[in-house]
């Protein structure tokens, strides 16, 4: 996962200029794919369901929209 980190401050708000990794991501995707394939093959519940992922995505997109607009964006379902 990555977050924005500013290298300068303008008007009291940090400018978004660079992505900064929160942790070593070098091995995340192969492990995620392996877990997903395992859940398909075994019939086990995946680590994150489609419904859970959709809710998280809606919140994330609303946060980006809110930042772009400079106002609150309502999330209908989570």
Protein backbone atom coordinates (compact mmCIF):
# COMPACT_ATOMS: atom_id res chain seq x y z
CA UNK A 1 0.00 0.00 0.00
CA UNK A 2 1.24 3.47 -0.75
CA UNK A 3 0.33 6.89 0.56
CA UNK A 4 1.00 10.39 -0.67
CA UNK A 5 3.75 12.29 1.09
CA UNK A 6 4.53 15.88 0.34
CA UNK A 7 8.02 17.23 -0.11
CA UNK A 8 6.86 20.82 0.42
CA UNK A 9 4.02 22.72 2.04
CA UNK A 10 1.95 25.32 0.17
CA UNK A 11 -0.77 27.36 1.83
CA UNK A 12 -0.71 25.16 4.91
CA UNK A 13 -1.76 22.07 2.93
CA UNK A 14 0.84 19.52 1.86
CA UNK A 15 1.25 19.25 -1.92
CA UNK A 16 0.90 15.73 -3.31
CA UNK A 17 4.14 15.07 -5.12
CA UNK A 18 5.28 11.51 -4.49
CA UNK A 19 4.11 8.03 -3.51
CA UNK A 20 5.78 6.50 -0.48
CA UNK A 21 5.55 2.78 0.19
CA UNK A 22 4.21 1.88 3.64
CA UNK A 23 5.82 -1.56 3.57
CA UNK A 24 7.81 -3.86 1.32
CA UNK A 25 5.37 -4.77 -1.45
CA UNK A 26 7.72 -6.96 -3.46
CA UNK A 27 5.94 -10.21 -2.61
CA UNK A 28 2.33 -9.13 -2.02
CA UNK A 29 0.76 -9.89 -5.38
CA UNK A 30 2.04 -13.47 -5.82
CA UNK A 31 0.79 -14.31 -2.31
CA UNK A 32 -2.57 -12.64 -2.97
CA UNK A 33 -3.01 -14.56 -6.21
CA UNK A 34 -2.01 -17.85 -4.56
CA UNK A 35 -4.57 -17.31 -1.75
CA UNK A 36 -7.27 -16.42 -4.27
CA UNK A 37 -6.58 -19.49 -6.43
CA UNK A 38 -6.52 -21.68 -3.31
CA UNK A 39 -9.95 -20.39 -2.25
CA UNK A 40 -11.33 -21.13 -5.73
CA UNK A 41 -9.88 -24.64 -5.79
CA UNK A 42 -10.83 -25.56 -2.23
CA UNK A 43 -14.16 -23.75 -2.05
CA UNK A 44 -12.97 -21.90 1.06
CA UNK A 45 -14.08 -18.35 1.79
CA UNK A 46 -11.56 -15.90 0.32
CA UNK A 47 -9.66 -13.56 2.64
CA UNK A 48 -11.75 -10.67 1.27
CA UNK A 49 -15.12 -11.19 -0.39
CA UNK A 50 -16.32 -9.27 -3.44
CA UNK A 51 -18.83 -7.44 -1.25
CA UNK A 52 -16.13 -6.37 1.22
CA UNK A 53 -13.79 -5.25 -1.55
CA UNK A 54 -16.57 -3.29 -3.26
CA UNK A 55 -17.38 -1.44 -0.04
CA UNK A 56 -13.73 -0.56 0.51
CA UNK A 57 -13.40 0.64 -3.08
CA UNK A 58 -16.47 2.88 -2.73
CA UNK A 59 -14.96 4.51 0.37
CA UNK A 60 -11.60 4.97 -1.35
CA UNK A 61 -13.14 6.52 -4.47
CA UNK A 62 -15.27 8.84 -2.34
CA UNK A 63 -12.14 9.94 -0.47
CA UNK A 64 -10.37 10.78 -3.74
CA UNK A 65 -13.43 12.63 -5.04
CA UNK A 66 -13.74 14.52 -1.77
CA UNK A 67 -10.09 15.58 -1.93
CA UNK A 68 -10.47 16.72 -5.54
CA UNK A 69 -13.65 18.70 -4.83
CA UNK A 70 -12.65 19.98 -1.41
CA UNK A 71 -15.98 18.92 0.06
CA UNK A 72 -17.68 15.96 1.71
CA UNK A 73 -18.76 13.10 -0.56
CA UNK A 74 -21.47 10.80 0.77
CA UNK A 75 -21.00 7.03 0.57
CA UNK A 76 -24.37 5.32 0.27
CA UNK A 77 -23.39 1.84 1.39
CA UNK A 78 -20.44 0.30 3.15
